[in-house]
PDB file of N, CA and C in Angstrom:
ATOM      1  N   MET A   1      98.726 116.402  76.057  1.00  0.00           N
ATOM      2  CA  MET A   1      97.420 116.094  76.590  1.00  0.00           C
ATOM      3  C   MET A   1      97.530 115.617  78.035  1.00  0.00           C
ATOM      4  N   LEU A   2      98.504 114.781  78.324  1.00  0.00           N
ATOM      5  CA  LEU A   2      98.675 114.307  79.698  1.00  0.00           C
ATOM      6  C   LEU A   2      98.963 115.455  80.649  1.00  0.00           C
ATOM      7  N   ALA A   3      99.788 116.383  80.223  1.00  0.00           N
ATOM      8  CA  ALA A   3     100.123 117.533  81.071  1.00  0.00           C
ATOM      9  C   ALA A   3      98.881 118.367  81.371  1.00  0.00           C
ATOM     10  N   VAL A   4      98.010 118.543  80.399  1.00  0.00           N
ATOM     11  CA  VAL A   4      96.771 119.307  80.606  1.00  0.00           C
ATOM     12  C   VAL A   4      95.890 118.604  81.631  1.00  0.00           C
ATOM     13  N   LEU A   5      95.732 117.296  81.500  1.00  0.00           N
ATOM     14  CA  LEU A   5      94.898 116.549  82.440  1.00  0.00           C
ATOM     15  C   LEU A   5      95.476 116.590  83.854  1.00  0.00           C
ATOM     16  N   MET A   6      96.792 116.519  83.970  1.00  0.00           N
ATOM     17  CA  MET A   6      97.416 116.608  85.292  1.00  0.00           C
ATOM     18  C   MET A   6      97.250 118.007  85.860  1.00  0.00           C
ATOM     19  N   ASP A   7      97.381 119.016  85.020  1.00  0.00           N
ATOM     20  CA  ASP A   7      97.234 120.396  85.468  1.00  0.00           C
ATOM     21  C   ASP A   7      95.812 120.690  85.942  1.00  0.00           C
ATOM     22  N   GLN A   8      94.833 120.012  85.381  1.00  0.00           N
ATOM     23  CA  GLN A   8      93.441 120.188  85.787  1.00  0.00           C
ATOM     24  C   GLN A   8      93.158 119.552  87.144  1.00  0.00           C
ATOM     25  N   GLY A   9      94.096 118.764  87.648  1.00  0.00           N
ATOM     26  CA  GLY A   9      93.933 118.160  88.967  1.00  0.00           C
ATOM     27  C   GLY A   9      93.180 116.850  88.986  1.00  0.00           C
ATOM     28  N   ASN A  10      93.058 116.208  87.840  1.00  0.00           N
ATOM     29  CA  ASN A  10      92.407 114.896  87.812  1.00  0.00           C
ATOM     30  C   ASN A  10      93.192 113.923  88.676  1.00  0.00           C
ATOM     31  N   ARG A  11      92.505 113.214  89.573  1.00  0.00           N
ATOM     32  CA  ARG A  11      93.195 112.273  90.470  1.00  0.00           C
ATOM     33  C   ARG A  11      93.636 111.006  89.743  1.00  0.00           C
ATOM     34  N   GLU A  12      92.861 110.576  88.764  1.00  0.00           N
ATOM     35  CA  GLU A  12      93.212 109.365  88.023  1.00  0.00           C
ATOM     36  C   GLU A  12      92.610 109.430  86.631  1.00  0.00           C
ATOM     37  N   PHE A  13      93.389 109.018  85.637  1.00  0.00           N
ATOM     38  CA  PHE A  13      92.876 108.930  84.280  1.00  0.00           C
ATOM     39  C   PHE A  13      93.739 107.949  83.493  1.00  0.00           C
ATOM     40  N   THR A  14      93.159 107.411  82.433  1.00  0.00           N
ATOM     41  CA  THR A  14      93.828 106.418  81.587  1.00  0.00           C
ATOM     42  C   THR A  14      93.800 106.910  80.150  1.00  0.00           C
ATOM     43  N   ARG A  15      94.921 106.765  79.468  1.00  0.00           N
ATOM     44  CA  ARG A  15      95.033 107.162  78.068  1.00  0.00           C
ATOM     45  C   ARG A  15      95.960 106.188  77.342  1.00  0.00           C
ATOM     46  N   TRP A  16      95.828 106.150  76.030  1.00  0.00           N
ATOM     47  CA  TRP A  16      96.753 105.414  75.177  1.00  0.00           C
ATOM     48  C   TRP A  16      97.773 106.409  74.651  1.00  0.00           C
ATOM     49  N   ILE A  17      99.057 106.052  74.753  1.00  0.00           N
ATOM     50  CA  ILE A  17     100.109 106.912  74.213  1.00  0.00           C
ATOM     51  C   ILE A  17     101.061 106.064  73.384  1.00  0.00           C
ATOM     52  N   SER A  18     101.862 106.725  72.588  1.00  0.00           N
ATOM     53  CA  SER A  18     102.869 106.032  71.792  1.00  0.00           C
ATOM     54  C   SER A  18     103.838 105.320  72.735  1.00  0.00           C
ATOM     55  N   SER A  19     104.161 104.083  72.433  1.00  0.00           N
ATOM     56  CA  SER A  19     105.048 103.293  73.290  1.00  0.00           C
ATOM     57  C   SER A  19     106.421 103.933  73.461  1.00  0.00           C
ATOM     58  N   VAL A  20     106.882 104.666  72.457  1.00  0.00           N
ATOM     59  CA  VAL A  20     108.199 105.303  72.567  1.00  0.00           C
ATOM     60  C   VAL A  20     108.188 106.492  73.528  1.00  0.00           C
ATOM     61  N   ASN A  21     107.009 106.969  73.922  1.00  0.00           N
ATOM     62  CA  ASN A  21     106.909 108.131  74.813  1.00  0.00           C
ATOM     63  C   ASN A  21     106.622 107.778  76.269  1.00  0.00           C
ATOM     64  N   VAL A  22     106.600 106.502  76.609  1.00  0.00           N
ATOM     65  CA  VAL A  22     106.241 106.099  77.966  1.00  0.00           C
ATOM     66  C   VAL A  22     107.221 106.663  78.991  1.00  0.00           C
ATOM     67  N   GLU A  23     108.505 106.560  78.752  1.00  0.00           N
ATOM     68  CA  GLU A  23     109.483 107.055  79.736  1.00  0.00           C
ATOM     69  C   GLU A  23     109.419 108.572  79.875  1.00  0.00           C
ATOM     70  N   GLN A  24     109.170 109.271  78.793  1.00  0.00           N
ATOM     71  CA  GLN A  24     109.013 110.722  78.853  1.00  0.00           C
ATOM     72  C   GLN A  24     107.767 111.070  79.671  1.00  0.00           C
ATOM     73  N   ALA A  25     106.674 110.348  79.462  1.00  0.00           N
ATOM     74  CA  ALA A  25     105.443 110.579  80.216  1.00  0.00           C
ATOM     75  C   ALA A  25     105.655 110.259  81.693  1.00  0.00           C
ATOM     76  N   ARG A  26     106.428 109.215  81.987  1.00  0.00           N
ATOM     77  CA  ARG A  26     106.717 108.849  83.374  1.00  0.00           C
ATOM     78  C   ARG A  26     107.487 109.969  84.083  1.00  0.00           C
ATOM     79  N   ALA A  27     108.477 110.530  83.409  1.00  0.00           N
ATOM     80  CA  ALA A  27     109.261 111.627  83.993  1.00  0.00           C
ATOM     81  C   ALA A  27     108.378 112.846  84.254  1.00  0.00           C
ATOM     82  N   LEU A  28     107.510 113.168  83.307  1.00  0.00           N
ATOM     83  CA  LEU A  28     106.593 114.286  83.480  1.00  0.00           C
ATOM     84  C   LEU A  28     105.647 114.026  84.654  1.00  0.00           C
ATOM     85  N   ALA A  29     105.118 112.824  84.714  1.00  0.00           N
ATOM     86  CA  ALA A  29     104.193 112.467  85.788  1.00  0.00           C
ATOM     87  C   ALA A  29     104.859 112.602  87.158  1.00  0.00           C
ATOM     88  N   GLU A  30     106.056 112.080  87.286  1.00  0.00           N
ATOM     89  CA  GLU A  30     106.760 112.155  88.567  1.00  0.00           C
ATOM     90  C   GLU A  30     107.029 113.600  88.966  1.00  0.00           C
ATOM     91  N   SER A  31     107.369 114.446  88.005  1.00  0.00           N
ATOM     92  CA  SER A  31     107.653 115.840  88.337  1.00  0.00           C
ATOM     93  C   SER A  31     106.401 116.599  88.769  1.00  0.00           C
ATOM     94  N   LEU A  32     105.215 116.105  88.379  1.00  0.00           N
ATOM     95  CA  LEU A  32     103.962 116.753  88.751  1.00  0.00           C
ATOM     96  C   LEU A  32     103.217 116.012  89.862  1.00  0.00           C
ATOM     97  N   GLY A  33     103.885 115.039  90.495  1.00  0.00           N
ATOM     98  CA  GLY A  33     103.290 114.343  91.632  1.00  0.00           C
ATOM     99  C   GLY A  33     102.333 113.219  91.275  1.00  0.00           C
ATOM    100  N   TYR A  34     102.498 112.632  90.117  1.00  0.00           N
ATOM    101  CA  TYR A  34     101.662 111.517  89.675  1.00  0.00           C
ATOM    102  C   TYR A  34     102.494 110.251  89.569  1.00  0.00           C
ATOM    103  N   ARG A  35     101.815 109.122  89.641  1.00  0.00           N
ATOM    104  CA  ARG A  35     102.436 107.825  89.367  1.00  0.00           C
ATOM    105  C   ARG A  35     101.888 107.322  88.040  1.00  0.00           C
ATOM    106  N   LEU A  36     102.734 106.753  87.215  1.00  0.00           N
ATOM    107  CA  LEU A  36     102.320 106.223  85.923  1.00  0.00           C
ATOM    108  C   LEU A  36     102.414 104.707  85.984  1.00  0.00           C
ATOM    109  N   VAL A  37     101.310 104.044  85.641  1.00  0.00           N
ATOM    110  CA  VAL A  37     101.260 102.583  85.600  1.00  0.00           C
ATOM    111  C   VAL A  37     100.921 102.178  84.180  1.00  0.00           C
ATOM    112  N   THR A  38     101.715 101.282  83.612  1.00  0.00           N
ATOM    113  CA  THR A  38     101.446 100.834  82.246  1.00  0.00           C
ATOM    114  C   THR A  38     100.495  99.647  82.260  1.00  0.00           C
ATOM    115  N   GLY A  39      99.679  99.579  81.218  1.00  0.00           N
ATOM    116  CA  GLY A  39      98.732  98.478  81.044  1.00  0.00           C
ATOM    117  C   GLY A  39      99.048  97.730  79.774  1.00  0.00           C
ATOM    118  N   THR A  40      98.028  97.384  79.035  1.00  0.00           N
ATOM    119  CA  THR A  40      98.222  96.654  77.787  1.00  0.00           C
ATOM    120  C   THR A  40      98.991  97.493  76.784  1.00  0.00           C
ATOM    121  N   SER A  41      99.728  96.794  75.943  1.00  0.00           N
ATOM    122  CA  SER A  41     100.486  97.506  74.918  1.00  0.00           C
ATOM    123  C   SER A  41     100.708  96.603  73.717  1.00  0.00           C
ATOM    124  N   ASP A  42     101.055  97.236  72.628  1.00  0.00           N
ATOM    125  CA  ASP A  42     101.491  96.519  71.432  1.00  0.00           C
ATOM    126  C   ASP A  42     102.755  97.220  70.948  1.00  0.00           C
ATOM    127  N   GLU A  43     103.136  97.005  69.734  1.00  0.00           N
ATOM    128  CA  GLU A  43     104.375  97.601  69.234  1.00  0.00           C
ATOM    129  C   GLU A  43     104.323  99.120  69.186  1.00  0.00           C
ATOM    130  N   SER A  44     103.144  99.686  68.970  1.00  0.00           N
ATOM    131  CA  SER A  44     103.030 101.122  68.758  1.00  0.00           C
ATOM    132  C   SER A  44     102.426 101.893  69.930  1.00  0.00           C
ATOM    133  N   TRP A  45     101.494 101.279  70.663  1.00  0.00           N
ATOM    134  CA  TRP A  45     100.723 101.995  71.678  1.00  0.00           C
ATOM    135  C   TRP A  45     100.783 101.298  73.026  1.00  0.00           C
ATOM    136  N   THR A  46     100.725 102.102  74.086  1.00  0.00           N
ATOM    137  CA  THR A  46     100.697 101.589  75.454  1.00  0.00           C
ATOM    138  C   THR A  46      99.603 102.315  76.219  1.00  0.00           C
ATOM    139  N   GLU A  47      98.818 101.550  76.956  1.00  0.00           N
ATOM    140  CA  GLU A  47      97.796 102.142  77.814  1.00  0.00           C
ATOM    141  C   GLU A  47      98.470 102.541  79.129  1.00  0.00           C
ATOM    142  N   VAL A  48      98.312 103.795  79.532  1.00  0.00           N
ATOM    143  CA  VAL A  48      98.897 104.266  80.789  1.00  0.00           C
ATOM    144  C   VAL A  48      97.797 104.829  81.678  1.00  0.00           C
ATOM    145  N   THR A  49      97.936 104.575  82.971  1.00  0.00           N
ATOM    146  CA  THR A  49      97.048 105.146  83.978  1.00  0.00           C
ATOM    147  C   THR A  49      97.893 106.031  84.861  1.00  0.00           C
ATOM    148  N   LEU A  50      97.439 107.248  85.073  1.00  0.00           N
ATOM    149  CA  LEU A  50      98.137 108.194  85.940  1.00  0.00           C
ATOM    150  C   LEU A  50      97.283 108.447  87.164  1.00  0.00           C
ATOM    151  N   ARG A  51      97.933 108.394  88.337  1.00  0.00           N
ATOM    152  CA  ARG A  51      97.237 108.609  89.613  1.00  0.00           C
ATOM    153  C   ARG A  51      98.016 109.605  90.448  1.00  0.00           C
ATOM    154  N   SER A  52      97.288 110.486  91.111  1.00  0.00           N
ATOM    155  CA  SER A  52      97.937 111.430  92.015  1.00  0.00           C
ATOM    156  C   SER A  52      97.651 111.022  93.454  1.00  0.00           C
ATOM    157  N   GLY A  53      98.387 111.610  94.366  1.00  0.00           N
ATOM    158  CA  GLY A  53      98.212 111.290  95.777  1.00  0.00           C
ATOM    159  C   GLY A  53      99.035 110.087  96.172  1.00  0.00           C
ATOM    160  N   ARG A  54      98.939 109.765  97.435  1.00  0.00           N
ATOM    161  CA  ARG A  54      99.712 108.640  97.953  1.00  0.00           C
ATOM    162  C   ARG A  54      99.075 107.315  97.573  1.00  0.00           C
ATOM    163  N   ALA A  55      99.919 106.322  97.372  1.00  0.00           N
ATOM    164  CA  ALA A  55      99.433 104.970  97.084  1.00  0.00           C
ATOM    165  C   ALA A  55      99.239 104.251  98.410  1.00  0.00           C
ATOM    166  N   ARG A  56      97.980 104.009  98.762  1.00  0.00           N
ATOM    167  CA  ARG A  56      97.684 103.317  99.999  1.00  0.00           C
ATOM    168  C   ARG A  56      96.924 102.043  99.672  1.00  0.00           C
ATOM    169  N   PRO A  57      97.175 100.991 100.420  1.00  0.00           N
ATOM    170  CA  PRO A  57      96.411  99.766 100.178  1.00  0.00           C
ATOM    171  C   PRO A  57      94.957  99.951 100.593  1.00  0.00           C
ATOM    172  N   ALA A  58      94.066  99.290  99.900  1.00  0.00           N
ATOM    173  CA  ALA A  58      92.656  99.328 100.275  1.00  0.00           C
ATOM    174  C   ALA A  58      92.458  98.366 101.432  1.00  0.00           C
ATOM    175  N   LEU A  59      92.070  98.882 102.572  1.00  0.00           N
ATOM    176  CA  LEU A  59      91.854  98.065 103.758  1.00  0.00           C
ATOM    177  C   LEU A  59      90.374  97.781 103.933  1.00  0.00           C
ATOM    178  N   ARG A  60      90.076  96.621 104.466  1.00  0.00           N
ATOM    179  CA  ARG A  60      88.680  96.299 104.736  1.00  0.00           C
ATOM    180  C   ARG A  60      88.587  95.518 106.027  1.00  0.00           C
ATOM    181  N   LEU A  61      87.477  95.638 106.707  1.00  0.00           N
ATOM    182  CA  LEU A  61      87.238  94.989 107.979  1.00  0.00           C
ATOM    183  C   LEU A  61      86.733  93.575 107.721  1.00  0.00           C
ATOM    184  N   VAL A  62      87.355  92.607 108.374  1.00  0.00           N
ATOM    185  CA  VAL A  62      86.914  91.211 108.245  1.00  0.00           C
ATOM    186  C   VAL A  62      86.532  90.707 109.624  1.00  0.00           C
ATOM    187  N   GLN A  63      85.553  89.826 109.695  1.00  0.00           N
ATOM    188  CA  GLN A  63      85.069  89.298 110.959  1.00  0.00           C
ATOM    189  C   GLN A  63      85.877  88.076 111.355  1.00  0.00           C
ATOM    190  N   SER A  64      86.107  87.948 112.633  1.00  0.00           N
ATOM    191  CA  SER A  64      86.812  86.786 113.172  1.00  0.00           C
ATOM    192  C   SER A  64      85.873  85.586 113.216  1.00  0.00           C
ATOM    193  N   ALA A  65      86.404  84.413 112.943  1.00  0.00           N
ATOM    194  CA  ALA A  65      85.585  83.194 112.958  1.00  0.00           C
ATOM    195  C   ALA A  65      85.433  82.659 114.381  1.00  0.00           C
ATOM    196  N   GLY A  66      86.124  83.226 115.345  1.00  0.00           N
ATOM    197  CA  GLY A  66      86.138  82.666 116.700  1.00  0.00           C
ATOM    198  C   GLY A  66      85.246  83.357 117.593  1.00  0.00           C
TER     199      GLY A  66
END
């Protein structure tokens, strides 16, 4: 399922996968240009978010107090 979503070109999506498959999913993600970030998990399941593109910090303009 993750491979299908990556192939469709989704920039970001979150899914629950079996905890034993996280490293396999990470390898697949890296080979297809995605980053995998893990979220909440328990003994059986882990929430993963996959993002494509470069990781850039969100910048914002702030006003000077002076």
